[in-house]
Amino acid sequence: MNYLPFVWTEKASLADELRRPVRRVSIGQHYPAAWGPDSLVLWHSDGTGLEIFSKMNYIAERLEIGVLRFETVAAQSVGEMSELLPASFDCEIEAFKLILDEEGTRAECGVALRASNGEDLVIVPSGGPCHLAILGAFASTPHVFEPECELER
């Protein structure tokens, strides 16, 4: 079985980075809105951010799946929409890795972040190429939640 892990090149632990308190998010949308946002940044109280993208991987003829790519950032990009998250996310949060098994490939395809009060923020690749589907935790989601594949609990 092939394995496609998250893309993370920093020295720090990605799991630790995902569990850090999050004060706000910003969403980048540079292509048609129907495809969903192309990036999401989780902003911490110290001003640093964790940017999340979807990277497409071909696993069979005419079949591709997305895995998440993570990068640290220091400033918000021009044109990104920003919104505060509920205060329950501004303390250590739980992070869950979402896995997809498809055509002999296991892929780390998404994350679910859970705040202290049980609220969730789910980030997965969308049906649009190199875009994200984002669900929960903030009021003005700029798109319909259409993940690349069905989510199960």
Protein backbone atom coordinates (compact mmCIF):
# COMPACT_ATOMS: atom_id res chain seq x y z
CA MET A 1 0.00 0.00 0.00
CA ASN A 2 1.25 3.49 -0.90
CA TYR A 3 1.24 6.11 1.86
CA LEU A 4 0.81 9.86 1.33
CA PRO A 5 1.57 11.81 4.52
CA PHE A 6 0.81 15.45 5.25
CA VAL A 7 3.38 17.81 3.72
CA TRP A 8 5.28 19.53 6.56
CA THR A 9 8.92 20.60 6.29
CA GLU A 10 9.40 22.45 9.59
CA LYS A 11 11.48 21.02 12.46
CA ALA A 12 8.72 21.46 15.05
CA SER A 13 6.10 18.74 15.50
CA LEU A 14 3.05 19.26 13.27
CA ALA A 15 0.85 17.64 15.95
CA ASP A 16 2.07 20.22 18.50
CA GLU A 17 1.51 23.04 16.02
CA LEU A 18 -2.07 21.90 15.35
CA ARG A 19 -2.84 21.75 19.09
CA ARG A 20 -1.80 25.36 19.71
CA PRO A 21 -4.51 27.87 20.64
CA VAL A 22 -6.07 29.62 17.64
CA ARG A 23 -7.44 33.14 17.89
CA ARG A 24 -8.63 33.74 14.32
CA VAL A 25 -8.58 32.30 10.82
CA SER A 26 -8.03 33.84 7.40
CA ILE A 27 -9.23 32.33 4.16
CA GLY A 28 -7.61 32.77 0.75
CA GLN A 29 -9.84 32.53 -2.31
CA HIS A 30 -8.07 33.25 -5.57
CA TYR A 31 -10.14 31.14 -7.99
CA PRO A 32 -13.86 30.64 -8.59
CA ALA A 33 -15.81 30.59 -5.31
CA ALA A 34 -17.59 27.38 -6.35
CA TRP A 35 -14.29 25.50 -5.93
CA GLY A 36 -13.93 26.60 -2.31
CA PRO A 37 -11.06 28.45 -0.64
CA ASP A 38 -7.52 27.61 -1.70
CA SER A 39 -5.97 28.22 1.74
CA LEU A 40 -6.77 28.64 5.41
CA VAL A 41 -4.49 30.17 8.04
CA LEU A 42 -4.85 29.39 11.73
CA TRP A 43 -3.59 32.50 13.57
CA HIS A 44 -2.09 32.25 17.05
CA SER A 45 -2.05 34.98 19.71
CA ASP A 46 1.70 35.55 19.14
CA GLY A 47 0.97 36.64 15.54
CA THR A 48 2.28 33.52 13.82
CA GLY A 49 0.10 31.43 11.57
CA LEU A 50 -0.19 27.91 10.20
CA GLU A 51 -1.27 28.00 6.55
CA ILE A 52 -3.06 24.96 5.12
CA PHE A 53 -3.34 24.05 1.42
CA SER A 54 -4.46 20.98 -0.51
CA LYS A 55 -1.89 19.22 -2.69
CA MET A 56 -3.23 16.86 -5.35
CA ASN A 57 -1.65 13.43 -5.89
CA TYR A 58 -2.35 11.11 -8.81
CA ILE A 59 -2.90 7.57 -7.54
CA ALA A 60 -4.37 5.88 -10.63
CA GLU A 61 -5.37 6.78 -14.15
CA ARG A 62 -7.84 9.69 -13.91
CA LEU A 63 -7.91 9.45 -10.11
CA GLU A 64 -6.33 11.94 -7.75
CA ILE A 65 -6.66 12.65 -4.05
CA GLY A 66 -5.66 15.61 -1.96
CA VAL A 67 -3.42 15.67 1.08
CA LEU A 68 -2.92 18.72 3.25
CA ARG A 69 0.24 20.81 3.08
CA PHE A 70 1.20 23.01 6.04
CA GLU A 71 3.51 26.04 6.24
CA THR A 72 4.22 28.60 8.94
CA VAL A 73 3.53 32.23 7.99
CA ALA A 74 4.15 35.57 9.67
CA ALA A 75 1.65 37.89 7.96
CA GLN A 76 -1.77 37.76 6.36
CA SER A 77 -1.83 37.87 2.54
CA VAL A 78 -3.61 40.64 0.66
CA GLY A 79 -7.20 39.73 -0.12
CA GLU A 80 -7.65 37.09 2.58
CA MET A 81 -10.87 37.23 4.58
CA SER A 82 -10.24 37.09 8.33
CA GLU A 83 -12.54 36.18 11.20
CA LEU A 84 -12.19 35.61 14.93
CA LEU A 85 -12.84 32.10 16.19
CA PRO A 86 -14.89 31.41 19.32
CA ALA A 87 -12.89 31.91 22.53
CA SER A 88 -13.03 28.13 23.15
CA PHE A 89 -10.33 27.73 20.45
CA ASP A 90 -7.98 30.17 22.21
CA CYS A 91 -6.59 27.46 24.50
CA GLU A 92 -4.94 24.11 23.74
CA ILE A 93 -7.15 22.18 21.33
CA GLU A 94 -7.41 18.55 20.26
CA ALA A 95 -6.28 17.63 16.74
CA PHE A 96 -7.40 14.56 14.81
CA LYS A 97 -5.86 13.25 11.60
CA LEU A 98 -8.35 12.21 8.89
CA ILE A 99 -7.24 9.29 6.71
CA LEU A 100 -8.50 8.16 3.30
CA ASP A 101 -7.95 4.65 1.88
CA GLU A 102 -8.43 4.61 -1.89
CA GLU A 103 -7.16 2.32 -4.67
CA GLY A 104 -4.29 0.87 -2.63
CA THR A 105 -3.25 4.26 -1.25
CA ARG A 106 -3.63 5.57 2.30
CA ALA A 107 -3.56 9.37 2.46
CA GLU A 108 -3.51 11.87 5.30
CA CYS A 109 -6.27 13.97 3.83
CA GLY A 110 -7.58 16.25 6.55
CA VAL A 111 -7.68 17.47 10.12
CA ALA A 112 -10.41 18.01 12.67
CA LEU A 113 -9.67 20.48 15.45
CA ARG A 114 -11.81 20.30 18.62
CA ALA A 115 -12.07 23.16 21.10
CA SER A 116 -12.52 22.76 24.84
CA ASN A 117 -16.32 23.11 24.51
CA GLY A 118 -16.60 20.40 21.82
CA GLU A 119 -16.86 22.74 18.81
CA ASP A 120 -15.11 21.39 15.71
CA LEU A 121 -13.26 22.92 12.79
CA VAL A 122 -12.80 20.40 9.94
CA ILE A 123 -10.37 21.08 7.08
CA VAL A 124 -10.20 18.66 4.13
CA PRO A 125 -9.52 18.82 0.38
CA SER A 126 -12.58 19.88 -1.60
CA GLY A 127 -13.96 18.50 -4.84
CA GLY A 128 -12.29 21.41 -6.68
CA PRO A 129 -8.63 20.87 -7.56
CA CYS A 130 -6.18 22.20 -4.94
CA HIS A 131 -8.94 23.72 -2.82
CA LEU A 132 -10.26 23.18 0.69
CA ALA A 133 -13.59 22.33 2.25
CA ILE A 134 -13.92 23.92 5.70
CA LEU A 135 -16.67 23.19 8.18
CA GLY A 136 -17.58 24.70 11.53
CA ALA A 137 -16.49 27.12 14.23
CA PHE A 138 -16.83 30.44 12.45
CA ALA A 139 -19.85 32.37 11.26
CA SER A 140 -19.24 33.44 7.69
CA THR A 141 -18.08 30.39 5.77
CA PRO A 142 -17.54 31.69 2.20
CA HIS A 143 -18.47 28.44 0.47
CA VAL A 144 -20.59 25.32 0.61
CA PHE A 145 -18.86 22.42 2.41
CA GLU A 146 -18.13 19.95 -0.40
CA PRO A 147 -15.32 17.59 0.63
CA GLU A 148 -13.44 15.52 -1.92
CA CYS A 149 -14.83 12.36 -0.32
CA GLU A 150 -17.58 11.51 2.17
CA LEU A 151 -16.67 11.93 5.83
CA GLU A 152 -17.56 9.26 8.39
CA ARG A 153 -17.33 9.52 12.17
